[in-house]
Amino acid sequence: MSDFRYRCLLVAFSLCMLNFVAFAVGAFALGGDAINGKIVGEHFYLAEHGKLAEVSEAVYTYSLWHARSVFVTHPLAILAAWLARLEQQARKAARRDGNQGGALPSSI
């Protein structure tokens, strides 16, 4: 695997983790998230540990989409970390054997 692809994996992992941290900080600051919240009539609530916080429709929609994005980026972070770890192990084995390249195919 080229250095560029390896670094792309690390950047993807970092961005996914940044998205998760932003979600956690946002949920804490807003008083919960929309996934656990609810809509009652014209009122929008975020929930955290059973406590509801009424918010505007825009904030509720933001929280809902940000929570949904975590459902996508979290598995992506796990995949990127796994592939980067495989490459790291391949590079370590290659250095031990005297080669310079990694063992993962460049088509990944």
C-alpha atoms as a PDB file:
ATOM      1  CA  MET A   1       0.000   0.000   0.000  1.00  0.00           C
ATOM      2  CA  SER A   2       1.333   3.407  -0.855  1.00  0.00           C
ATOM      3  CA  ASP A   3       2.072   6.008   1.778  1.00  0.00           C
ATOM      4  CA  PHE A   4      -0.701   8.160   0.304  1.00  0.00           C
ATOM      5  CA  ARG A   5      -3.339   5.459   0.800  1.00  0.00           C
ATOM      6  CA  TYR A   6      -2.066   4.700   4.293  1.00  0.00           C
ATOM      7  CA  ARG A   7      -2.251   8.374   5.220  1.00  0.00           C
ATOM      8  CA  CYS A   8      -5.751   8.600   3.719  1.00  0.00           C
ATOM      9  CA  LEU A   9      -6.814   5.792   6.059  1.00  0.00           C
ATOM     10  CA  LEU A  10      -5.396   7.708   9.013  1.00  0.00           C
ATOM     11  CA  VAL A  11      -7.123  10.914   7.919  1.00  0.00           C
ATOM     12  CA  ALA A  12     -10.440   9.082   7.419  1.00  0.00           C
ATOM     13  CA  PHE A  13     -10.125   7.551  10.886  1.00  0.00           C
ATOM     14  CA  SER A  14      -9.320  10.936  12.418  1.00  0.00           C
ATOM     15  CA  LEU A  15     -12.268  12.656  10.729  1.00  0.00           C
ATOM     16  CA  CYS A  16     -14.652   9.923  11.818  1.00  0.00           C
ATOM     17  CA  MET A  17     -13.461  10.223  15.408  1.00  0.00           C
ATOM     18  CA  LEU A  18     -13.742  14.005  15.216  1.00  0.00           C
ATOM     19  CA  ASN A  19     -17.355  13.599  14.067  1.00  0.00           C
ATOM     20  CA  PHE A  20     -18.065  11.346  17.065  1.00  0.00           C
ATOM     21  CA  VAL A  21     -16.469  13.801  19.506  1.00  0.00           C
ATOM     22  CA  ALA A  22     -18.431  16.688  17.947  1.00  0.00           C
ATOM     23  CA  PHE A  23     -21.636  14.670  18.329  1.00  0.00           C
ATOM     24  CA  ALA A  24     -20.894  13.846  21.976  1.00  0.00           C
ATOM     25  CA  VAL A  25     -20.020  17.464  22.822  1.00  0.00           C
ATOM     26  CA  GLY A  26     -23.090  18.729  20.945  1.00  0.00           C
ATOM     27  CA  ALA A  27     -25.398  16.253  22.673  1.00  0.00           C
ATOM     28  CA  PHE A  28     -23.983  17.293  26.045  1.00  0.00           C
ATOM     29  CA  ALA A  29     -24.358  21.009  25.260  1.00  0.00           C
ATOM     30  CA  LEU A  30     -27.882  20.648  23.868  1.00  0.00           C
ATOM     31  CA  GLY A  31     -29.129  18.387  26.629  1.00  0.00           C
ATOM     32  CA  GLY A  32     -29.443  15.191  24.614  1.00  0.00           C
ATOM     33  CA  ASP A  33     -29.896  13.898  21.102  1.00  0.00           C
ATOM     34  CA  ALA A  34     -32.801  13.471  18.721  1.00  0.00           C
ATOM     35  CA  ILE A  35     -32.394   9.703  18.347  1.00  0.00           C
ATOM     36  CA  ASN A  36     -33.533   9.307  21.951  1.00  0.00           C
ATOM     37  CA  GLY A  37     -35.806  12.355  21.778  1.00  0.00           C
ATOM     38  CA  LYS A  38     -39.326  12.721  20.498  1.00  0.00           C
ATOM     39  CA  ILE A  39     -41.793  14.997  18.774  1.00  0.00           C
ATOM     40  CA  VAL A  40     -45.066  15.790  20.499  1.00  0.00           C
ATOM     41  CA  GLY A  41     -47.330  17.904  18.334  1.00  0.00           C
ATOM     42  CA  GLU A  42     -45.368  21.038  17.490  1.00  0.00           C
ATOM     43  CA  HIS A  43     -42.802  20.498  20.253  1.00  0.00           C
ATOM     44  CA  PHE A  44     -39.400  18.912  19.685  1.00  0.00           C
ATOM     45  CA  TYR A  45     -37.458  17.253  22.477  1.00  0.00           C
ATOM     46  CA  LEU A  46     -33.927  15.934  22.798  1.00  0.00           C
ATOM     47  CA  ALA A  47     -33.364  13.260  25.424  1.00  0.00           C
ATOM     48  CA  GLU A  48     -30.434  12.231  27.579  1.00  0.00           C
ATOM     49  CA  HIS A  49     -30.761   9.574  30.289  1.00  0.00           C
ATOM     50  CA  GLY A  50     -34.530  10.054  30.440  1.00  0.00           C
ATOM     51  CA  LYS A  51     -34.410  13.844  30.735  1.00  0.00           C
ATOM     52  CA  LEU A  52     -36.070  15.821  27.952  1.00  0.00           C
ATOM     53  CA  ALA A  53     -34.949  19.219  26.669  1.00  0.00           C
ATOM     54  CA  GLU A  54     -37.276  21.171  24.396  1.00  0.00           C
ATOM     55  CA  VAL A  55     -35.539  22.647  21.358  1.00  0.00           C
ATOM     56  CA  SER A  56     -36.466  24.252  18.066  1.00  0.00           C
ATOM     57  CA  GLU A  57     -37.269  22.162  15.011  1.00  0.00           C
ATOM     58  CA  ALA A  58     -33.967  23.235  13.413  1.00  0.00           C
ATOM     59  CA  VAL A  59     -31.908  22.046  16.403  1.00  0.00           C
ATOM     60  CA  TYR A  60     -33.863  18.778  16.518  1.00  0.00           C
ATOM     61  CA  THR A  61     -33.250  18.210  12.782  1.00  0.00           C
ATOM     62  CA  TYR A  62     -29.539  19.008  13.183  1.00  0.00           C
ATOM     63  CA  SER A  63     -29.250  16.571  16.092  1.00  0.00           C
ATOM     64  CA  LEU A  64     -31.094  13.854  14.180  1.00  0.00           C
ATOM     65  CA  TRP A  65     -28.836  14.131  11.121  1.00  0.00           C
ATOM     66  CA  HIS A  66     -25.676  14.368  13.180  1.00  0.00           C
ATOM     67  CA  ALA A  67     -26.659  11.230  15.104  1.00  0.00           C
ATOM     68  CA  ARG A  68     -27.377   9.435  11.838  1.00  0.00           C
ATOM     69  CA  SER A  69     -23.981  10.472  10.494  1.00  0.00           C
ATOM     70  CA  VAL A  70     -22.324   8.788  13.482  1.00  0.00           C
ATOM     71  CA  PHE A  71     -24.040   5.531  12.502  1.00  0.00           C
ATOM     72  CA  VAL A  72     -22.135   5.781   9.196  1.00  0.00           C
ATOM     73  CA  THR A  73     -18.796   7.194  10.318  1.00  0.00           C
ATOM     74  CA  HIS A  74     -18.293   4.955  13.348  1.00  0.00           C
ATOM     75  CA  PRO A  75     -18.174   1.693  11.332  1.00  0.00           C
ATOM     76  CA  LEU A  76     -16.047   3.524   8.756  1.00  0.00           C
ATOM     77  CA  ALA A  77     -13.587   4.476  11.512  1.00  0.00           C
ATOM     78  CA  ILE A  78     -13.397   0.867  12.651  1.00  0.00           C
ATOM     79  CA  LEU A  79     -12.717  -0.306   9.091  1.00  0.00           C
ATOM     80  CA  ALA A  80     -10.085   2.384   8.489  1.00  0.00           C
ATOM     81  CA  ALA A  81      -8.350   1.578  11.774  1.00  0.00           C
ATOM     82  CA  TRP A  82      -8.361  -2.143  10.980  1.00  0.00           C
ATOM     83  CA  LEU A  83      -6.891  -1.622   7.493  1.00  0.00           C
ATOM     84  CA  ALA A  84      -4.286   0.816   8.834  1.00  0.00           C
ATOM     85  CA  ARG A  85      -3.314  -1.684  11.525  1.00  0.00           C
ATOM     86  CA  LEU A  86      -2.938  -4.441   8.928  1.00  0.00           C
ATOM     87  CA  GLU A  87      -0.712  -2.183   6.873  1.00  0.00           C
ATOM     88  CA  GLN A  88       1.309  -1.221   9.936  1.00  0.00           C
ATOM     89  CA  GLN A  89       1.885  -4.898  10.762  1.00  0.00           C
ATOM     90  CA  ALA A  90       2.814  -5.646   7.137  1.00  0.00           C
ATOM     91  CA  ARG A  91       5.325  -2.794   7.098  1.00  0.00           C
ATOM     92  CA  LYS A  92       6.840  -3.973  10.366  1.00  0.00           C
ATOM     93  CA  ALA A  93       7.181  -7.525   9.012  1.00  0.00           C
ATOM     94  CA  ALA A  94       8.673  -6.196   5.755  1.00  0.00           C
ATOM     95  CA  ARG A  95      11.275  -4.166   7.656  1.00  0.00           C
ATOM     96  CA  ARG A  96      12.116  -7.221   9.733  1.00  0.00           C
ATOM     97  CA  ASP A  97      12.550  -9.285   6.545  1.00  0.00           C
ATOM     98  CA  GLY A  98      14.554  -6.570   4.803  1.00  0.00           C
ATOM     99  CA  ASN A  99      11.856  -5.439   2.311  1.00  0.00           C
ATOM    100  CA  GLN A 100      10.556  -1.898   2.003  1.00  0.00           C
ATOM    101  CA  GLY A 101       6.964  -2.459   0.811  1.00  0.00           C
ATOM    102  CA  GLY A 102       3.854  -3.489   2.703  1.00  0.00           C
ATOM    103  CA  ALA A 103       2.056  -6.781   2.252  1.00  0.00           C
ATOM    104  CA  LEU A 104      -1.398  -5.413   1.483  1.00  0.00           C
ATOM    105  CA  PRO A 105      -2.286  -5.267  -2.204  1.00  0.00           C
ATOM    106  CA  SER A 106      -2.489  -1.820  -3.747  1.00  0.00           C
ATOM    107  CA  SER A 107      -6.031  -2.464  -5.022  1.00  0.00           C
ATOM    108  CA  ILE A 108      -7.532  -1.898  -1.546  1.00  0.00           C
END
